[in-house]
Amino acid sequence: MIKKPVRIAPHDKKHFGHIMHTLIKDQLFDPKHPELKSEMNEQLKFVINGEWTYLFDSNENFLNDSARLIEDEEKLLSDSNGKSSIFNR
């Protein structure tokens, strides 16, 4: 099966970001660790501004595994090994 990129019609990024945030805000990870809370707030700004989405990758391909279960914040931090963003895959 050939995967085709998703094409999104021209749109207002802020409006798109507001819709995305409204749809996902109740399902977002609410970290307790200060470093994770800060990182999550930064990522959320991108979503709200329409600059980042949990639905598509940078090549406009639909993400089949966009949800991520985080059960151990300390393990997430240790596994990140200094990545620029803890929440990127």
Protein backbone atom coordinates (compact mmCIF):
# COMPACT_ATOMS: atom_id res chain seq x y z
CA MET A 1 0.00 0.00 0.00
CA ILE A 2 1.40 3.39 -1.00
CA LYS A 3 0.96 6.08 1.62
CA LYS A 4 0.04 9.44 0.19
CA PRO A 5 0.62 12.67 2.11
CA VAL A 6 -2.43 14.38 3.50
CA ARG A 7 -3.15 17.70 1.84
CA ILE A 8 -4.71 20.35 3.98
CA ALA A 9 -6.48 23.24 2.29
CA PRO A 10 -5.12 26.72 2.94
CA HIS A 11 -6.16 27.73 6.43
CA ASP A 12 -5.50 30.16 9.24
CA LYS A 13 -2.85 28.52 11.46
CA LYS A 14 -4.12 30.16 14.65
CA HIS A 15 -7.66 28.99 13.94
CA PHE A 16 -6.39 25.45 13.22
CA GLY A 17 -4.30 25.55 16.40
CA HIS A 18 -7.31 26.63 18.45
CA ILE A 19 -9.35 23.74 17.06
CA MET A 20 -6.52 21.24 17.74
CA HIS A 21 -6.09 22.51 21.29
CA THR A 22 -9.83 22.34 21.96
CA LEU A 23 -9.91 18.74 20.72
CA ILE A 24 -6.93 17.47 22.71
CA LYS A 25 -6.70 19.65 25.84
CA ASP A 26 -8.50 17.18 28.11
CA GLN A 27 -6.31 14.28 26.97
CA LEU A 28 -2.94 15.99 27.31
CA PHE A 29 -0.25 14.73 29.63
CA ASP A 30 -0.18 16.77 32.85
CA PRO A 31 3.35 16.26 34.17
CA LYS A 32 4.33 16.83 37.79
CA HIS A 33 8.10 17.09 37.22
CA PRO A 34 9.11 20.77 36.61
CA GLU A 35 11.30 19.96 33.58
CA LEU A 36 8.51 17.97 31.93
CA LYS A 37 5.90 20.62 32.79
CA SER A 38 8.07 23.29 31.18
CA GLU A 39 8.62 21.15 28.06
CA MET A 40 4.91 20.35 27.80
CA ASN A 41 4.01 24.05 28.03
CA GLU A 42 6.45 24.81 25.21
CA GLN A 43 4.96 22.06 23.02
CA LEU A 44 1.46 23.31 23.79
CA LYS A 45 2.37 26.79 22.49
CA PHE A 46 3.21 25.21 19.12
CA VAL A 47 -0.14 23.41 19.03
CA ILE A 48 -2.10 26.55 19.96
CA ASN A 49 -0.25 28.58 17.29
CA GLY A 50 -1.00 25.96 14.64
CA GLU A 51 2.70 25.22 14.22
CA TRP A 52 2.63 21.63 15.46
CA THR A 53 0.14 18.84 15.32
CA TYR A 54 -0.17 15.39 16.80
CA LEU A 55 -1.84 14.13 13.61
CA PHE A 56 0.84 14.49 10.90
CA ASP A 57 4.62 14.26 10.65
CA SER A 58 6.82 16.85 8.94
CA ASN A 59 6.21 15.13 5.58
CA GLU A 60 2.43 15.45 6.00
CA ASN A 61 2.01 11.72 6.60
CA PHE A 62 -0.66 10.67 9.08
CA LEU A 63 0.81 9.43 12.37
CA ASN A 64 -0.55 6.03 13.29
CA ASP A 65 1.10 6.09 16.71
CA SER A 66 0.68 9.70 17.84
CA ALA A 67 -0.59 8.74 21.30
CA ARG A 68 2.03 7.99 23.89
CA LEU A 69 1.40 6.57 27.35
CA ILE A 70 3.69 8.05 30.00
CA GLU A 71 3.60 6.21 33.29
CA ASP A 72 7.01 7.08 34.75
CA GLU A 73 8.24 10.68 34.45
CA GLU A 74 11.73 9.90 35.81
CA LYS A 75 12.18 7.14 33.21
CA LEU A 76 11.04 9.50 30.45
CA LEU A 77 13.64 12.05 31.55
CA SER A 78 16.44 9.48 31.75
CA ASP A 79 15.48 8.00 28.36
CA SER A 80 15.51 11.42 26.68
CA ASN A 81 19.34 11.62 26.83
CA GLY A 82 19.40 15.35 26.21
CA LYS A 83 17.11 15.41 23.17
CA SER A 84 16.05 18.91 22.19
CA SER A 85 12.47 17.95 22.96
CA ILE A 86 11.51 15.24 25.40
CA PHE A 87 8.22 14.64 23.63
CA ASN A 88 9.59 14.17 20.10
CA ARG A 89 10.01 10.61 18.91
